[in-house]
């Protein structure tokens, strides 16, 4: 699993697309948290928060969602 935490969109969208494609080819799940920004256009399995203090709860929610999907499969 690759966890991306950022406060802005990618500086190089083409490089990000290449890295995400490589992660997908290698069965690496990618989740993300945008701090003060939405990164869902780049990382669909992501969430946004407004301040760093919200990071622990956001990460827990993303991991719980992934765990529940795996258990349901």
N, C-alpha and C. Protein backbone atom coordinates (compact mmCIF):
# COMPACT_ATOMS: atom_id res chain seq x y z
N UNK A 1 0.84 -1.17 0.00
CA UNK A 1 0.00 0.00 0.00
C UNK A 1 0.90 1.24 0.00
N UNK A 2 0.51 2.20 -0.83
CA UNK A 2 1.22 3.47 -0.91
C UNK A 2 0.28 4.54 -0.38
N UNK A 3 0.74 5.29 0.60
CA UNK A 3 -0.05 6.36 1.20
C UNK A 3 0.56 7.69 0.79
N UNK A 4 -0.25 8.51 0.13
CA UNK A 4 0.19 9.83 -0.31
C UNK A 4 -0.48 10.87 0.58
N UNK A 5 0.33 11.71 1.20
CA UNK A 5 -0.17 12.82 2.01
C UNK A 5 0.45 14.08 1.43
N UNK A 6 -0.40 15.03 1.02
CA UNK A 6 0.12 16.21 0.35
C UNK A 6 -0.72 17.43 0.68
N UNK A 7 -0.11 18.59 0.47
CA UNK A 7 -0.84 19.84 0.66
C UNK A 7 -1.04 20.58 -0.65
N UNK A 8 -0.86 19.89 -1.76
CA UNK A 8 -1.05 20.49 -3.07
C UNK A 8 -1.13 19.39 -4.12
N UNK A 9 -1.57 19.75 -5.30
CA UNK A 9 -1.59 18.81 -6.41
C UNK A 9 -0.17 18.51 -6.87
N UNK A 10 -0.02 17.60 -7.81
CA UNK A 10 1.32 17.20 -8.25
C UNK A 10 2.01 18.31 -9.04
N UNK A 11 3.31 18.43 -8.85
CA UNK A 11 4.12 19.34 -9.65
C UNK A 11 4.26 18.81 -11.07
N UNK A 12 4.25 17.48 -11.20
CA UNK A 12 4.41 16.83 -12.49
C UNK A 12 3.31 15.78 -12.67
N UNK A 13 2.14 16.17 -13.18
CA UNK A 13 1.03 15.23 -13.32
C UNK A 13 1.37 14.01 -14.17
N UNK A 14 2.21 14.17 -15.18
CA UNK A 14 2.58 13.02 -16.02
C UNK A 14 3.39 12.00 -15.23
N UNK A 15 4.30 12.47 -14.41
CA UNK A 15 5.08 11.56 -13.57
C UNK A 15 4.18 10.85 -12.57
N UNK A 16 3.26 11.60 -11.98
CA UNK A 16 2.33 10.97 -11.04
C UNK A 16 1.52 9.89 -11.73
N UNK A 17 1.01 10.18 -12.94
CA UNK A 17 0.23 9.17 -13.67
C UNK A 17 1.07 7.93 -13.94
N UNK A 18 2.33 8.11 -14.27
CA UNK A 18 3.23 6.98 -14.53
C UNK A 18 3.44 6.16 -13.25
N UNK A 19 3.67 6.83 -12.16
CA UNK A 19 3.90 6.13 -10.88
C UNK A 19 2.64 5.39 -10.44
N UNK A 20 1.48 6.02 -10.59
CA UNK A 20 0.23 5.37 -10.21
C UNK A 20 -0.06 4.16 -11.11
N UNK A 21 0.26 4.27 -12.39
CA UNK A 21 0.07 3.13 -13.30
C UNK A 21 1.00 1.98 -12.90
N UNK A 22 2.23 2.31 -12.55
CA UNK A 22 3.17 1.28 -12.12
C UNK A 22 2.71 0.62 -10.83
N UNK A 23 2.19 1.42 -9.91
CA UNK A 23 1.66 0.86 -8.66
C UNK A 23 0.52 -0.10 -8.97
N UNK A 24 -0.37 0.30 -9.86
CA UNK A 24 -1.50 -0.54 -10.24
C UNK A 24 -1.03 -1.85 -10.88
N UNK A 25 -0.04 -1.76 -11.77
CA UNK A 25 0.51 -2.96 -12.42
C UNK A 25 1.11 -3.93 -11.43
N UNK A 26 1.58 -3.42 -10.30
CA UNK A 26 2.22 -4.24 -9.29
C UNK A 26 1.31 -4.52 -8.10
N UNK A 27 0.00 -4.31 -8.30
CA UNK A 27 -1.01 -4.57 -7.26
C UNK A 27 -0.74 -3.82 -5.97
N UNK A 28 -0.24 -2.59 -6.08
CA UNK A 28 -0.03 -1.73 -4.93
C UNK A 28 -1.22 -0.79 -4.83
N UNK A 29 -1.93 -0.87 -3.72
CA UNK A 29 -3.06 0.02 -3.52
C UNK A 29 -2.54 1.40 -3.14
N UNK A 30 -3.19 2.43 -3.66
CA UNK A 30 -2.79 3.80 -3.37
C UNK A 30 -3.96 4.52 -2.72
N UNK A 31 -3.70 5.10 -1.56
CA UNK A 31 -4.69 5.94 -0.89
C UNK A 31 -4.03 7.28 -0.61
N UNK A 32 -4.84 8.29 -0.42
CA UNK A 32 -4.25 9.60 -0.21
C UNK A 32 -5.08 10.51 0.66
N UNK A 33 -4.39 11.52 1.19
CA UNK A 33 -5.03 12.56 1.98
C UNK A 33 -4.51 13.90 1.47
N UNK A 34 -5.43 14.75 1.09
CA UNK A 34 -5.07 16.11 0.70
C UNK A 34 -5.32 17.04 1.88
N UNK A 35 -4.32 17.79 2.27
CA UNK A 35 -4.45 18.72 3.39
C UNK A 35 -4.71 20.10 2.80
N UNK A 36 -5.94 20.55 2.90
CA UNK A 36 -6.32 21.84 2.35
C UNK A 36 -6.50 21.82 0.84
N UNK A 37 -6.56 20.62 0.27
CA UNK A 37 -6.76 20.49 -1.18
C UNK A 37 -7.41 19.14 -1.45
N UNK A 38 -8.04 19.04 -2.60
CA UNK A 38 -8.66 17.79 -3.02
C UNK A 38 -7.75 17.12 -4.04
N UNK A 39 -7.38 15.88 -3.80
CA UNK A 39 -6.51 15.14 -4.72
C UNK A 39 -7.26 14.00 -5.40
N UNK A 40 -8.57 13.97 -5.26
CA UNK A 40 -9.37 12.88 -5.79
C UNK A 40 -9.24 12.74 -7.31
N UNK A 41 -8.98 13.84 -8.01
CA UNK A 41 -8.80 13.78 -9.46
C UNK A 41 -7.57 12.95 -9.83
N UNK A 42 -6.59 12.92 -8.94
CA UNK A 42 -5.36 12.18 -9.18
C UNK A 42 -5.36 10.83 -8.47
N UNK A 43 -5.90 10.81 -7.26
CA UNK A 43 -5.94 9.58 -6.46
C UNK A 43 -7.39 9.39 -6.02
N UNK A 44 -8.15 8.59 -6.78
CA UNK A 44 -9.58 8.44 -6.49
C UNK A 44 -9.88 7.97 -5.06
N UNK A 45 -9.04 7.11 -4.52
CA UNK A 45 -9.25 6.61 -3.17
C UNK A 45 -8.54 7.55 -2.19
N UNK A 46 -9.11 8.74 -2.04
CA UNK A 46 -8.48 9.73 -1.16
C UNK A 46 -9.55 10.53 -0.45
N UNK A 47 -9.11 11.31 0.49
CA UNK A 47 -9.99 12.19 1.24
C UNK A 47 -9.28 13.52 1.42
N UNK A 48 -10.02 14.51 1.83
CA UNK A 48 -9.45 15.83 2.07
C UNK A 48 -9.71 16.26 3.50
N UNK A 49 -8.76 16.95 4.07
CA UNK A 49 -8.91 17.51 5.40
C UNK A 49 -8.49 18.97 5.33
N UNK A 50 -8.89 19.73 6.33
CA UNK A 50 -8.56 21.15 6.30
C UNK A 50 -7.34 21.49 7.15
N UNK A 51 -6.97 20.62 8.08
CA UNK A 51 -5.79 20.90 8.91
C UNK A 51 -5.14 19.58 9.34
N UNK A 52 -3.88 19.67 9.66
CA UNK A 52 -3.08 18.49 10.00
C UNK A 52 -3.62 17.74 11.21
N UNK A 53 -4.29 18.44 12.09
CA UNK A 53 -4.85 17.78 13.29
C UNK A 53 -5.90 16.74 12.93
N UNK A 54 -6.48 16.84 11.74
CA UNK A 54 -7.48 15.88 11.30
C UNK A 54 -6.88 14.63 10.66
N UNK A 55 -5.56 14.63 10.48
CA UNK A 55 -4.90 13.52 9.77
C UNK A 55 -5.12 12.16 10.42
N UNK A 56 -4.94 12.01 11.73
CA UNK A 56 -5.14 10.67 12.31
C UNK A 56 -6.54 10.09 12.03
N UNK A 57 -7.57 10.91 12.18
CA UNK A 57 -8.93 10.42 11.93
C UNK A 57 -9.14 10.08 10.46
N UNK A 58 -8.59 10.90 9.57
CA UNK A 58 -8.73 10.64 8.13
C UNK A 58 -8.03 9.34 7.74
N UNK A 59 -6.83 9.13 8.27
CA UNK A 59 -6.09 7.89 7.97
C UNK A 59 -6.84 6.68 8.51
N UNK A 60 -7.36 6.78 9.71
CA UNK A 60 -8.11 5.67 10.28
C UNK A 60 -9.32 5.34 9.42
N UNK A 61 -10.03 6.36 8.95
CA UNK A 61 -11.21 6.13 8.11
C UNK A 61 -10.83 5.44 6.80
N UNK A 62 -9.75 5.89 6.17
CA UNK A 62 -9.32 5.26 4.92
C UNK A 62 -8.93 3.80 5.15
N UNK A 63 -8.17 3.52 6.22
CA UNK A 63 -7.76 2.15 6.50
C UNK A 63 -8.96 1.27 6.86
N UNK A 64 -9.90 1.80 7.62
CA UNK A 64 -11.10 1.03 7.96
C UNK A 64 -11.88 0.68 6.71
N UNK A 65 -12.01 1.65 5.79
CA UNK A 65 -12.72 1.41 4.54
C UNK A 65 -12.04 0.30 3.75
N UNK A 66 -10.72 0.35 3.63
CA UNK A 66 -9.98 -0.67 2.90
C UNK A 66 -10.14 -2.03 3.57
N UNK A 67 -10.07 -2.07 4.90
CA UNK A 67 -10.20 -3.33 5.62
C UNK A 67 -11.58 -3.93 5.43
N UNK A 68 -12.61 -3.10 5.52
CA UNK A 68 -13.97 -3.62 5.37
C UNK A 68 -14.21 -4.14 3.95
N UNK A 69 -13.63 -3.50 2.95
CA UNK A 69 -13.76 -3.99 1.57
C UNK A 69 -13.05 -5.34 1.40
N UNK A 70 -11.91 -5.49 2.02
CA UNK A 70 -11.19 -6.78 1.92
C UNK A 70 -11.94 -7.89 2.66
N UNK A 71 -12.50 -7.58 3.80
CA UNK A 71 -13.23 -8.59 4.55
C UNK A 71 -14.51 -9.00 3.83
N UNK A 72 -15.10 -8.07 3.10
CA UNK A 72 -16.34 -8.37 2.37
C UNK A 72 -16.07 -9.21 1.11
N UNK A 73 -14.85 -9.19 0.63
CA UNK A 73 -14.53 -9.90 -0.62
C UNK A 73 -14.40 -11.38 -0.45
